[in-house]
Amino acid sequence: MVESDSSFSINAETVALPSGFLQVRDLFILSGGTKYALTYMTPPQMDQIKGSSTSGMPVAYTIIGDNFRFAPTPDSTYTGTLNYYKSFDALSDSNTTNYILTNHPAIYLYGSLYHAANFLGGVEPARLQQWQGMYTTALERLERNDREDQFSGSPLQIRSDVTVASSFQDTTKVTNNNT
């Protein structure tokens, strides 16, 4: 899993997800020099509030299939900024490397040796165990580096560069008819 940044136009209720998309990390709209954080809603929550909202600057989103869905429906074109997790690009003749091959080649080396030895057979158990251990160590190193990258940096602080649109708050209330 790799982190990626993307800017895109939000000019309709639905906008296609970027290729290789796995999960949102942050999603913002830039409007008038201000950065607004969009709130995630489940598809059923979005359906409940869509009937009461018309159009305007989107303040919420959900994901349906291969698309973002925004509420309210954009009344003009907005710039969205997305920080997200994406899948690794497959290796091919035109794409000869990826993050793992460049930064953690031992995963490919020892993973290939271990799995090939299991498939072909006839390899000493001690050698097989050695390759499995080296493969496991390489995977653990990747996971540790990913955690360190994800949570490294300066201490948490209150952010003043993000505004949450409050006009949408009233439309997100759901009444409970059972009481």
Protein backbone atom coordinates (compact mmCIF):
# COMPACT_ATOMS: atom_id res chain seq x y z
CA MET A 1 0.00 0.00 0.00
CA VAL A 2 1.40 3.37 -1.03
CA GLU A 3 0.30 6.88 -0.09
CA SER A 4 -0.49 9.25 -2.94
CA ASP A 5 -1.73 12.81 -3.35
CA SER A 6 -4.11 13.97 -6.03
CA SER A 7 -5.91 17.16 -7.01
CA PHE A 8 -9.09 16.79 -9.01
CA SER A 9 -12.18 18.70 -10.08
CA ILE A 10 -15.44 18.22 -8.21
CA ASN A 11 -18.12 19.42 -10.62
CA ALA A 12 -20.82 16.74 -10.33
CA GLU A 13 -22.52 14.67 -7.65
CA THR A 14 -20.29 11.70 -8.55
CA VAL A 15 -16.61 11.72 -9.51
CA ALA A 16 -14.52 8.65 -10.41
CA LEU A 17 -11.98 7.37 -7.89
CA PRO A 18 -8.33 7.53 -8.97
CA SER A 19 -6.81 4.34 -10.39
CA GLY A 20 -5.44 1.97 -7.77
CA PHE A 21 -7.52 3.66 -5.03
CA LEU A 22 -7.76 1.68 -1.78
CA GLN A 23 -8.69 4.08 1.04
CA VAL A 24 -9.05 7.81 1.82
CA ARG A 25 -6.62 9.36 4.23
CA ASP A 26 -7.77 13.01 3.87
CA LEU A 27 -10.18 14.75 1.51
CA PHE A 28 -10.52 18.54 1.28
CA ILE A 29 -12.13 21.16 -0.93
CA LEU A 30 -10.29 24.38 -1.68
CA SER A 31 -12.62 27.35 -2.03
CA GLY A 32 -11.79 31.04 -1.84
CA GLY A 33 -8.33 30.33 -0.44
CA THR A 34 -9.76 28.22 2.41
CA LYS A 35 -9.27 24.49 2.85
CA TYR A 36 -12.48 22.70 3.97
CA ALA A 37 -12.35 19.15 5.33
CA LEU A 38 -15.06 16.90 3.87
CA THR A 39 -16.92 14.57 6.24
CA TYR A 40 -17.30 10.90 5.33
CA MET A 41 -20.84 9.49 5.49
CA THR A 42 -22.01 5.96 4.86
CA PRO A 43 -24.14 5.53 1.71
CA PRO A 44 -27.38 5.15 3.78
CA GLN A 45 -26.58 8.35 5.73
CA MET A 46 -25.96 10.16 2.45
CA ASP A 47 -29.29 8.92 1.07
CA GLN A 48 -31.10 10.25 4.16
CA ILE A 49 -29.75 13.78 3.81
CA LYS A 50 -29.71 14.01 0.00
CA GLY A 51 -33.45 14.68 -0.13
CA SER A 52 -33.14 17.77 2.07
CA SER A 53 -30.17 19.40 0.35
CA THR A 54 -30.08 21.08 -3.01
CA SER A 55 -26.78 22.30 -4.37
CA GLY A 56 -23.83 24.18 -2.95
CA MET A 57 -20.27 23.55 -1.88
CA PRO A 58 -19.93 19.86 -0.96
CA VAL A 59 -19.28 19.22 2.73
CA ALA A 60 -19.67 15.43 2.82
CA TYR A 61 -18.79 12.44 0.69
CA THR A 62 -19.28 8.72 0.46
CA ILE A 63 -17.90 6.02 -1.81
CA ILE A 64 -20.19 3.97 -4.01
CA GLY A 65 -18.53 1.48 -6.33
CA ASP A 66 -15.70 3.24 -8.15
CA ASN A 67 -17.00 6.76 -7.46
CA PHE A 68 -17.02 9.46 -4.83
CA ARG A 69 -20.50 10.85 -4.20
CA PHE A 70 -20.73 14.38 -2.81
CA ALA A 71 -23.41 16.25 -0.87
CA PRO A 72 -24.76 18.69 -1.53
CA THR A 73 -24.40 18.45 -5.30
CA PRO A 74 -21.71 20.95 -6.39
CA ASP A 75 -23.10 24.27 -7.64
CA SER A 76 -19.86 25.00 -9.52
CA THR A 77 -16.45 23.41 -10.07
CA TYR A 78 -14.40 22.96 -6.91
CA THR A 79 -10.84 21.70 -6.48
CA GLY A 80 -10.60 18.58 -4.35
CA THR A 81 -7.36 17.54 -2.65
CA LEU A 82 -7.12 13.85 -1.85
CA ASN A 83 -4.48 12.03 0.18
CA TYR A 84 -5.12 8.31 -0.19
CA TYR A 85 -3.74 4.81 -0.10
CA LYS A 86 -3.32 3.12 -3.45
CA SER A 87 -2.28 -0.31 -4.62
CA PHE A 88 1.15 -0.94 -6.07
CA ASP A 89 1.43 -0.70 -9.83
CA ALA A 90 1.96 -4.11 -11.42
CA LEU A 91 5.40 -4.81 -12.86
CA SER A 92 5.53 -4.94 -16.66
CA ASP A 93 7.80 -4.18 -19.62
CA SER A 94 6.96 -0.49 -19.31
CA ASN A 95 6.84 -0.39 -15.48
CA THR A 96 10.03 -2.16 -14.40
CA THR A 97 10.03 -1.21 -10.73
CA ASN A 98 7.77 -0.34 -7.82
CA TYR A 99 8.14 0.79 -4.21
CA ILE A 100 8.82 -2.70 -2.86
CA LEU A 101 11.41 -3.62 -5.50
CA THR A 102 13.21 -0.29 -5.06
CA ASN A 103 13.13 -0.02 -1.25
CA HIS A 104 12.71 -3.61 -0.03
CA PRO A 105 14.16 -5.96 -2.68
CA ALA A 106 14.73 -8.71 -0.09
CA ILE A 107 10.96 -9.34 -0.09
CA TYR A 108 11.09 -10.38 -3.74
CA LEU A 109 14.39 -12.28 -3.39
CA TYR A 110 13.62 -14.36 -0.30
CA GLY A 111 9.92 -14.67 -1.09
CA SER A 112 10.78 -16.08 -4.52
CA LEU A 113 13.38 -18.48 -3.11
CA TYR A 114 11.06 -19.71 -0.38
CA HIS A 115 8.00 -20.19 -2.60
CA ALA A 116 9.99 -21.73 -5.47
CA ALA A 117 11.64 -24.19 -3.09
CA ASN A 118 8.24 -25.18 -1.71
CA PHE A 119 6.90 -25.66 -5.23
CA LEU A 120 9.88 -27.56 -6.64
CA GLY A 121 10.71 -29.61 -3.55
CA GLY A 122 14.04 -31.34 -2.91
CA VAL A 123 15.46 -28.44 -0.90
CA GLU A 124 17.06 -29.09 2.47
CA PRO A 125 14.63 -28.23 5.28
CA ALA A 126 17.27 -26.05 6.98
CA ARG A 127 17.70 -23.97 3.79
CA LEU A 128 13.93 -23.68 3.35
CA GLN A 129 13.56 -22.53 6.95
CA GLN A 130 16.39 -20.01 6.47
CA TRP A 131 14.69 -18.47 3.39
CA GLN A 132 11.35 -18.40 5.16
CA GLY A 133 12.93 -16.56 8.11
CA MET A 134 14.64 -14.04 5.82
CA TYR A 135 11.37 -13.49 3.92
CA THR A 136 9.44 -12.96 7.17
CA THR A 137 12.11 -10.54 8.44
CA ALA A 138 11.95 -8.53 5.19
CA LEU A 139 8.13 -8.30 5.44
CA GLU A 140 8.33 -7.20 9.08
CA ARG A 141 10.90 -4.53 8.15
CA LEU A 142 8.52 -3.17 5.49
CA GLU A 143 5.62 -3.08 7.97
CA ARG A 144 7.77 -1.36 10.62
CA ASN A 145 8.98 1.24 8.11
CA ASP A 146 5.39 1.86 7.01
CA ARG A 147 4.25 2.41 10.61
CA GLU A 148 7.19 4.73 11.29
CA ASP A 149 6.47 6.73 8.13
CA GLN A 150 2.77 6.95 8.94
CA PHE A 151 3.22 8.25 12.48
CA SER A 152 6.51 10.15 12.24
CA GLY A 153 6.90 13.89 12.19
CA SER A 154 6.11 16.66 14.59
CA PRO A 155 3.75 16.29 17.56
CA LEU A 156 0.02 16.67 16.97
CA GLN A 157 -1.22 20.25 16.96
CA ILE A 158 -4.53 22.03 16.50
CA ARG A 159 -4.83 22.92 12.83
CA SER A 160 -5.96 26.33 11.69
CA ASP A 161 -5.66 25.62 7.95
CA VAL A 162 -8.82 23.49 7.80
CA THR A 163 -12.39 24.69 8.16
CA VAL A 164 -15.37 22.44 8.70
CA ALA A 165 -18.47 23.83 7.05
CA SER A 166 -21.07 24.11 9.80
CA SER A 167 -24.11 24.86 7.64
CA PHE A 168 -24.37 21.17 6.79
CA GLN A 169 -24.53 20.06 10.43
CA ASP A 170 -28.30 20.52 10.78
CA THR A 171 -29.07 18.43 7.71
CA THR A 172 -27.09 15.46 9.04
CA LYS A 173 -29.30 14.97 12.11
CA VAL A 174 -31.26 11.77 11.97
CA THR A 175 -34.44 11.51 14.01
CA ASN A 176 -35.33 8.31 15.78
CA ASN A 177 -38.99 7.46 15.16
CA ASN A 178 -38.93 4.65 17.73
CA THR A 179 -38.97 6.98 20.74
